[in-house]
N, C-alpha and C. Protein backbone atom coordinates (compact mmCIF):
# COMPACT_ATOMS: atom_id res chain seq x y z
N MET A 1 1.00 -1.00 -0.09
CA MET A 1 -0.40 0.12 -0.21
C MET A 1 0.76 1.56 -0.55
N GLU A 2 0.45 2.14 -0.85
CA GLU A 2 1.37 3.49 -0.70
C GLU A 2 1.04 4.27 0.21
N SER A 3 1.78 5.39 1.12
CA SER A 3 2.21 6.26 1.89
C SER A 3 1.29 7.20 1.59
N ASP A 4 0.73 7.84 2.46
CA ASP A 4 -0.66 8.31 2.19
C ASP A 4 0.23 9.99 1.90
N THR A 5 1.70 9.91 1.75
CA THR A 5 2.06 11.22 1.47
C THR A 5 3.03 11.32 -0.17
N GLU A 6 2.29 9.54 -1.26
CA GLU A 6 2.70 9.46 -2.12
C GLU A 6 1.19 9.45 -3.41
N ASN A 7 0.23 9.99 -2.31
CA ASN A 7 -0.42 9.11 -3.16
C ASN A 7 -1.84 10.64 -2.51
N LEU A 8 -1.20 11.58 -3.33
CA LEU A 8 -2.00 13.00 -2.78
C LEU A 8 -2.96 13.29 -4.00
N THR A 9 -4.29 13.87 -3.89
CA THR A 9 -4.90 14.23 -4.67
C THR A 9 -4.33 15.85 -4.68
N ILE A 10 -4.90 17.01 -6.15
CA ILE A 10 -4.23 17.79 -5.75
C ILE A 10 -4.27 18.68 -5.12
N GLY A 11 -5.44 18.92 -4.45
CA GLY A 11 -6.27 19.49 -2.97
C GLY A 11 -5.76 19.15 -2.34
N THR A 12 -5.32 17.86 -2.18
CA THR A 12 -4.69 17.55 -0.76
C THR A 12 -3.26 17.92 -0.82
N PHE A 13 -2.48 17.82 -1.92
CA PHE A 13 -1.46 18.34 -2.03
C PHE A 13 -0.95 19.76 -2.73
N ALA A 14 -1.91 20.56 -2.68
CA ALA A 14 -1.65 21.91 -2.76
C ALA A 14 -1.79 22.24 -1.26
N ARG A 15 -2.37 21.69 -0.58
CA ARG A 15 -2.67 22.73 0.99
C ARG A 15 -1.50 21.87 2.45
N ALA A 16 -1.09 20.82 1.75
CA ALA A 16 0.49 20.39 2.08
C ALA A 16 1.77 21.14 2.21
N ALA A 17 1.52 22.05 0.45
CA ALA A 17 2.88 22.46 0.04
C ALA A 17 1.90 23.93 1.10
N GLY A 18 1.43 24.09 1.17
CA GLY A 18 1.27 25.86 1.37
C GLY A 18 0.40 26.56 0.50
N VAL A 19 0.23 26.02 -0.40
CA VAL A 19 -0.11 26.70 -1.30
C VAL A 19 -1.55 26.21 -2.26
N ASN A 20 -2.17 27.06 -3.15
CA ASN A 20 -3.40 26.85 -3.18
C ASN A 20 -3.08 26.10 -5.02
N VAL A 21 -4.38 25.16 -5.91
CA VAL A 21 -4.64 24.59 -6.60
C VAL A 21 -4.05 25.11 -8.09
N GLU A 22 -4.54 26.83 -7.96
CA GLU A 22 -3.99 27.22 -9.28
C GLU A 22 -3.16 27.85 -8.79
N THR A 23 -2.23 27.53 -7.82
CA THR A 23 -0.52 27.87 -7.97
C THR A 23 -0.24 26.41 -8.32
N ILE A 24 -0.33 25.48 -8.33
CA ILE A 24 0.15 24.55 -8.67
C ILE A 24 -0.25 23.64 -10.12
N ARG A 25 -0.93 24.29 -10.54
CA ARG A 25 -1.76 23.90 -12.27
C ARG A 25 -0.65 25.58 -12.37
N PHE A 26 0.08 26.41 -12.02
CA PHE A 26 0.56 27.54 -12.60
C PHE A 26 2.17 26.94 -12.91
N TYR A 27 2.43 26.53 -12.22
CA TYR A 27 3.36 25.61 -11.86
C TYR A 27 3.97 25.41 -12.42
N GLN A 28 3.00 24.71 -13.50
CA GLN A 28 3.03 23.16 -14.29
C GLN A 28 3.37 23.43 -15.08
N ARG A 29 2.45 24.58 -15.61
CA ARG A 29 2.36 25.21 -16.98
C ARG A 29 4.07 26.53 -17.10
N ARG A 30 4.63 26.71 -15.98
CA ARG A 30 5.81 27.32 -16.05
C ARG A 30 6.79 25.75 -16.30
N GLY A 31 7.00 24.83 -16.52
CA GLY A 31 7.79 23.98 -16.23
C GLY A 31 8.13 24.19 -14.93
N LEU A 32 7.62 24.49 -13.93
CA LEU A 32 8.43 24.68 -12.69
C LEU A 32 8.39 22.83 -11.76
N LEU A 33 7.49 22.64 -11.74
CA LEU A 33 6.97 21.61 -11.38
C LEU A 33 6.40 20.60 -12.29
N PRO A 34 6.00 18.99 -12.36
CA PRO A 34 6.35 17.64 -13.77
C PRO A 34 4.54 17.66 -12.85
N GLU A 35 3.86 17.59 -14.17
CA GLU A 35 2.29 16.88 -14.14
C GLU A 35 2.57 15.51 -14.40
N PRO A 36 1.90 14.71 -13.45
CA PRO A 36 2.66 13.54 -12.96
C PRO A 36 1.50 12.74 -14.01
N GLU A 37 1.67 11.54 -15.08
CA GLU A 37 0.70 11.35 -15.43
C GLU A 37 -1.08 10.54 -15.26
N ARG A 38 -1.84 10.55 -15.63
CA ARG A 38 -2.96 10.92 -14.82
C ARG A 38 -3.71 8.86 -15.41
N PRO A 39 -4.21 8.23 -14.58
CA PRO A 39 -3.99 6.72 -15.34
C PRO A 39 -5.13 6.33 -16.01
N PHE A 40 -4.81 5.96 -16.25
CA PHE A 40 -6.74 5.25 -16.85
C PHE A 40 -7.58 5.43 -16.40
N GLY A 41 -9.22 6.70 -16.19
CA GLY A 41 -10.17 6.59 -15.69
C GLY A 41 -9.78 7.18 -14.50
N SER A 42 -8.80 7.26 -13.66
CA SER A 42 -8.63 8.26 -12.88
C SER A 42 -7.68 9.42 -12.39
N ILE A 43 -7.68 10.05 -11.67
CA ILE A 43 -7.14 10.88 -11.33
C ILE A 43 -5.19 11.39 -10.91
N ARG A 44 -4.95 12.29 -11.21
CA ARG A 44 -3.78 12.33 -10.92
C ARG A 44 -2.74 12.17 -9.46
N ARG A 45 -1.93 12.01 -8.89
CA ARG A 45 -1.65 12.08 -7.87
C ARG A 45 -0.17 11.99 -7.61
N TYR A 46 -0.14 13.30 -6.27
CA TYR A 46 0.84 13.51 -6.62
C TYR A 46 2.13 12.70 -5.02
N GLY A 47 3.18 13.30 -4.85
CA GLY A 47 3.92 12.57 -3.06
C GLY A 47 4.94 13.46 -2.80
N GLY A 48 5.57 13.48 -2.10
CA GLY A 48 5.83 14.58 -0.65
C GLY A 48 7.30 15.29 -1.59
N ALA A 49 7.70 13.79 -2.48
CA ALA A 49 8.95 15.05 -3.73
C ALA A 49 7.81 16.04 -4.35
N ASP A 50 7.06 16.16 -4.50
CA ASP A 50 6.30 16.86 -5.30
C ASP A 50 6.18 18.10 -4.47
N VAL A 51 5.26 17.86 -2.91
CA VAL A 51 5.50 18.63 -1.67
C VAL A 51 7.06 19.85 -1.36
N ALA A 52 8.09 18.77 -1.50
CA ALA A 52 9.14 19.84 -1.72
C ALA A 52 9.36 20.44 -2.34
N ARG A 53 9.44 20.18 -4.00
CA ARG A 53 9.65 21.43 -4.73
C ARG A 53 8.67 22.24 -4.86
N VAL A 54 7.59 22.25 -4.47
CA VAL A 54 6.72 23.87 -4.49
C VAL A 54 7.42 24.15 -3.15
N LYS A 55 7.39 23.49 -1.77
CA LYS A 55 8.26 24.42 -0.95
C LYS A 55 9.30 25.50 -0.47
N PHE A 56 10.59 24.12 -1.83
CA PHE A 56 11.58 24.89 -2.10
C PHE A 56 11.29 26.02 -3.33
N VAL A 57 9.98 25.98 -4.36
CA VAL A 57 10.35 27.15 -5.20
C VAL A 57 9.32 28.73 -4.06
N LYS A 58 8.26 28.66 -2.95
CA LYS A 58 8.55 29.25 -2.72
C LYS A 58 9.03 29.89 -1.59
N SER A 59 9.86 29.35 -0.90
CA SER A 59 11.48 29.97 -0.58
C SER A 59 12.61 30.70 -1.32
N ALA A 60 12.49 29.76 -2.57
CA ALA A 60 13.01 30.97 -3.63
C ALA A 60 12.66 32.07 -3.99
N GLN A 61 10.98 31.78 -3.81
CA GLN A 61 10.80 33.29 -4.23
C GLN A 61 10.53 33.79 -3.25
N ARG A 62 10.18 33.68 -1.61
CA ARG A 62 10.64 35.07 -0.53
C ARG A 62 12.27 35.15 -0.08
N LEU A 63 12.70 35.02 -1.15
CA LEU A 63 14.38 35.40 -1.36
C LEU A 63 14.17 36.27 -2.49
N GLY A 64 13.52 36.42 -3.18
CA GLY A 64 13.04 37.46 -4.28
C GLY A 64 13.91 36.93 -5.83
N PHE A 65 13.72 35.91 -5.46
CA PHE A 65 14.41 34.53 -6.53
C PHE A 65 13.03 35.21 -8.36
N SER A 66 13.49 35.15 -8.76
CA SER A 66 12.39 34.92 -10.39
C SER A 66 12.05 33.87 -10.31
N LEU A 67 10.73 33.93 -11.40
CA LEU A 67 10.18 32.01 -11.47
C LEU A 67 11.69 31.63 -12.72
N ASP A 68 11.80 32.43 -13.39
CA ASP A 68 13.27 32.21 -14.19
C ASP A 68 14.09 31.43 -13.90
N GLU A 69 14.47 32.15 -12.50
CA GLU A 69 15.41 31.75 -12.05
C GLU A 69 15.58 30.24 -10.79
N ILE A 70 14.52 30.44 -10.46
CA ILE A 70 13.82 29.69 -9.96
C ILE A 70 13.86 28.09 -10.61
N GLY A 71 13.71 28.44 -11.83
CA GLY A 71 13.98 27.15 -12.96
C GLY A 71 14.80 26.56 -13.03
N GLU A 72 16.17 27.59 -13.05
CA GLU A 72 17.79 27.43 -13.51
C GLU A 72 17.76 27.02 -12.55
N LEU A 73 17.69 27.40 -11.00
CA LEU A 73 17.88 26.94 -9.60
C LEU A 73 17.41 24.83 -9.50
N LEU A 74 15.97 24.57 -9.86
CA LEU A 74 15.83 23.90 -10.23
C LEU A 74 16.77 22.45 -10.67
N LEU A 75 17.04 23.29 -11.98
CA LEU A 75 17.76 21.86 -12.66
C LEU A 75 19.80 21.86 -12.29
N LEU A 76 20.13 22.88 -11.17
CA LEU A 76 21.29 22.06 -10.85
C LEU A 76 20.98 22.09 -9.63
N ASP A 77 19.49 20.93 -9.16
CA ASP A 77 19.65 21.14 -7.85
C ASP A 77 20.21 19.22 -7.57
N ASP A 78 20.98 18.53 -8.48
CA ASP A 78 21.96 17.39 -8.09
C ASP A 78 22.38 17.95 -7.13
N GLY A 79 23.08 18.72 -6.02
CA GLY A 79 24.38 19.32 -6.10
C GLY A 79 25.56 19.24 -6.61
N ALA A 80 25.91 18.71 -7.35
CA ALA A 80 27.15 19.22 -7.94
C ALA A 80 27.27 20.05 -8.79
N LYS A 81 26.59 20.86 -8.94
CA LYS A 81 26.63 22.49 -9.60
C LYS A 81 26.79 23.36 -9.06
N CYS A 82 27.39 23.67 -7.71
CA CYS A 82 26.90 24.42 -6.45
C CYS A 82 27.75 25.71 -7.41
N SER A 83 28.82 26.05 -8.11
CA SER A 83 29.10 26.33 -8.17
C SER A 83 28.49 27.67 -9.33
N GLU A 84 27.56 27.21 -9.93
CA GLU A 84 27.14 27.75 -10.88
C GLU A 84 25.63 28.09 -10.42
N ALA A 85 25.05 28.05 -8.80
CA ALA A 85 23.90 28.39 -8.21
C ALA A 85 24.89 29.41 -7.37
N GLU A 86 25.73 29.37 -6.75
CA GLU A 86 26.60 30.11 -6.02
C GLU A 86 26.18 31.29 -7.06
N LYS A 87 26.95 31.23 -8.30
CA LYS A 87 26.87 31.99 -9.15
C LYS A 87 25.58 33.06 -9.88
N LEU A 88 24.72 32.27 -9.91
CA LEU A 88 23.14 32.45 -9.54
C LEU A 88 22.59 34.05 -8.89
N ALA A 89 23.50 32.57 -7.54
CA ALA A 89 22.58 33.84 -6.13
C ALA A 89 23.59 35.00 -5.90
N ALA A 90 25.12 35.25 -6.83
CA ALA A 90 25.44 36.24 -6.84
C ALA A 90 24.73 37.37 -7.47
N GLN A 91 24.74 36.87 -8.59
CA GLN A 91 24.05 37.75 -9.18
C GLN A 91 22.95 38.37 -9.18
N HIS A 92 22.25 37.81 -8.20
CA HIS A 92 20.41 38.09 -7.81
C HIS A 92 21.06 38.74 -6.08
N LEU A 93 22.29 38.75 -5.63
CA LEU A 93 22.40 39.50 -4.35
C LEU A 93 22.80 40.48 -4.49
N ALA A 94 23.48 41.00 -6.15
CA ALA A 94 24.15 42.65 -6.59
C ALA A 94 22.36 43.59 -6.80
N ASP A 95 21.60 42.09 -7.27
CA ASP A 95 21.04 43.01 -7.81
C ASP A 95 19.98 43.69 -6.82
N VAL A 96 19.61 42.88 -5.52
CA VAL A 96 18.86 43.38 -4.47
C VAL A 96 19.73 44.47 -4.15
N GLN A 97 21.12 44.39 -3.50
CA GLN A 97 22.05 45.63 -3.27
C GLN A 97 21.57 46.41 -3.84
N ALA A 98 21.91 46.37 -5.52
CA ALA A 98 21.66 48.01 -6.23
C ALA A 98 19.72 48.23 -5.72
N ARG A 99 19.08 47.12 -5.66
CA ARG A 99 17.52 47.75 -5.07
C ARG A 99 18.24 48.17 -4.12
N LEU A 100 18.20 48.25 -2.71
CA LEU A 100 18.66 48.62 -1.41
C LEU A 100 18.91 49.77 -1.94
N SER A 101 20.41 50.15 -2.28
CA SER A 101 20.42 51.49 -3.00
C SER A 101 19.55 52.67 -3.49
N ASP A 102 18.78 52.01 -4.29
CA ASP A 102 17.83 52.78 -5.03
C ASP A 102 16.97 53.06 -4.51
N LEU A 103 16.55 52.33 -2.60
CA LEU A 103 15.26 52.56 -1.98
C LEU A 103 15.88 53.56 -1.14
N ARG A 104 17.45 53.13 -0.85
CA ARG A 104 17.77 54.26 0.01
C ARG A 104 17.57 55.77 -0.03
N ARG A 105 18.11 55.87 -1.99
CA ARG A 105 18.29 57.02 -1.89
C ARG A 105 16.05 57.41 -1.97
N MET A 106 16.06 56.66 -2.15
CA MET A 106 14.40 57.34 -2.55
C MET A 106 13.67 57.77 -1.30
N GLU A 107 14.22 57.15 -0.34
CA GLU A 107 13.39 57.14 1.35
C GLU A 107 14.42 59.16 1.62
N LYS A 108 15.34 58.97 1.38
CA LYS A 108 15.87 60.39 1.45
C LYS A 108 15.36 60.92 1.04
N VAL A 109 14.91 61.30 -0.53
CA VAL A 109 14.79 62.48 -1.38
C VAL A 109 12.78 62.78 -0.42
N LEU A 110 11.92 61.68 -0.70
CA LEU A 110 11.40 61.43 -0.03
C LEU A 110 11.24 61.79 1.76
N SER A 111 11.95 61.75 2.63
CA SER A 111 12.25 61.76 3.82
C SER A 111 12.38 63.34 3.54
N LYS A 112 12.86 64.08 3.39
CA LYS A 112 13.49 65.48 2.62
C LYS A 112 12.46 66.29 2.49
N LEU A 113 11.39 65.79 1.51
CA LEU A 113 10.66 66.16 0.45
C LEU A 113 8.70 66.50 1.82
N VAL A 114 8.79 65.28 2.50
CA VAL A 114 8.09 65.51 3.67
C VAL A 114 7.75 66.37 4.53
N GLY A 115 9.22 66.65 5.50
CA GLY A 115 9.85 67.06 5.93
C GLY A 115 9.08 69.16 5.32
N GLU A 116 9.70 68.91 4.17
CA GLU A 116 9.05 70.50 3.32
C GLU A 116 7.87 70.90 3.50
N CYS A 117 7.34 69.84 3.76
CA CYS A 117 6.03 69.89 3.55
C CYS A 117 4.84 70.30 4.49
N LYS A 118 5.61 69.52 5.83
CA LYS A 118 5.24 70.16 7.25
C LYS A 118 5.60 71.06 6.98
N VAL A 119 6.90 72.04 6.92
CA VAL A 119 7.05 73.31 6.94
C VAL A 119 6.13 74.67 6.23
N HIS A 120 6.12 74.23 5.30
CA HIS A 120 5.06 74.44 4.46
C HIS A 120 3.28 74.88 4.09
N ARG A 121 3.12 73.87 5.45
CA ARG A 121 1.49 73.50 5.49
C ARG A 121 0.69 75.25 5.68
N GLY A 122 -0.52 74.85 4.49
CA GLY A 122 -0.82 75.42 4.70
C GLY A 122 -0.68 77.02 3.48
N ARG A 123 0.17 76.27 3.23
CA ARG A 123 0.79 77.24 1.84
C ARG A 123 -0.01 76.99 0.27
N THR A 124 -0.09 77.07 -0.97
CA THR A 124 -0.86 77.97 -1.76
C THR A 124 -0.05 76.36 -2.92
N SER A 125 1.34 77.25 -2.89
CA SER A 125 2.45 75.68 -3.56
C SER A 125 2.56 74.58 -2.78
N CYS A 126 1.96 73.01 -2.90
CA CYS A 126 2.77 72.01 -2.03
C CYS A 126 4.93 71.31 -2.60
N PRO A 127 5.11 71.93 -2.07
CA PRO A 127 6.83 71.63 -2.44
C PRO A 127 6.66 70.07 -2.72
N LEU A 128 5.39 68.95 -1.87
CA LEU A 128 6.10 67.60 -2.57
C LEU A 128 5.41 67.65 -4.54
N ILE A 129 4.18 68.30 -4.36
CA ILE A 129 4.14 68.36 -6.11
C ILE A 129 4.46 68.97 -6.61
N ASP A 130 5.38 70.33 -5.90
CA ASP A 130 5.83 70.78 -6.84
C ASP A 130 7.87 70.08 -7.69
N ALA A 131 7.74 69.64 -6.34
CA ALA A 131 8.81 68.52 -7.12
C ALA A 131 8.27 67.80 -8.39
N LEU A 132 7.54 66.96 -8.02
CA LEU A 132 6.82 65.90 -9.13
C LEU A 132 7.27 66.54 -10.48
N HIS A 133 6.51 67.86 -10.27
CA HIS A 133 6.22 68.74 -11.72
C HIS A 133 7.57 68.97 -11.76
N GLY A 134 8.42 69.41 -11.45
CA GLY A 134 10.10 69.47 -12.09
C GLY A 134 10.70 68.37 -12.25
N GLY A 135 10.13 67.62 -11.83
CA GLY A 135 11.23 66.09 -12.55
C GLY A 135 12.33 66.20 -11.47
N VAL A 136 11.61 65.76 -10.11
CA VAL A 136 12.37 65.42 -8.88
C VAL A 136 13.64 64.08 -9.21
N GLU A 137 15.17 64.59 -8.61
CA GLU A 137 16.24 63.58 -9.03
C GLU A 137 16.58 63.31 -7.69
N ILE A 138 16.73 61.76 -8.34
CA ILE A 138 16.75 60.78 -6.69
C ILE A 138 18.85 60.52 -6.99
């Protein structure tokens, strides 16, 4: 008899993986998750490896990897290609650091503009709106 974790319907599989059924189908269309064969007259069944794969995808998404990058990581999942995975992660890290730098600049400009709004409250011209009209530099 097959174990319960190797004989999951799509609904049970989705609950076990912490996603909804449409997420499973979307991952299948994107090639991130294989679609099991449908035995004649029966429904598809999923297993523990499928649950682990979806959890891998969700973990990678939480780190900000795109679905294309996650697909690449899944291809490197045999453990023998750590240097390739490291290169992909290093590039992603550089992208994250660049975005953080951009966000810090945005924070600085917005903080300045919000402060100017507080000082100029009640006047006819809003410093924030004026700066946006003028093409504020970040």
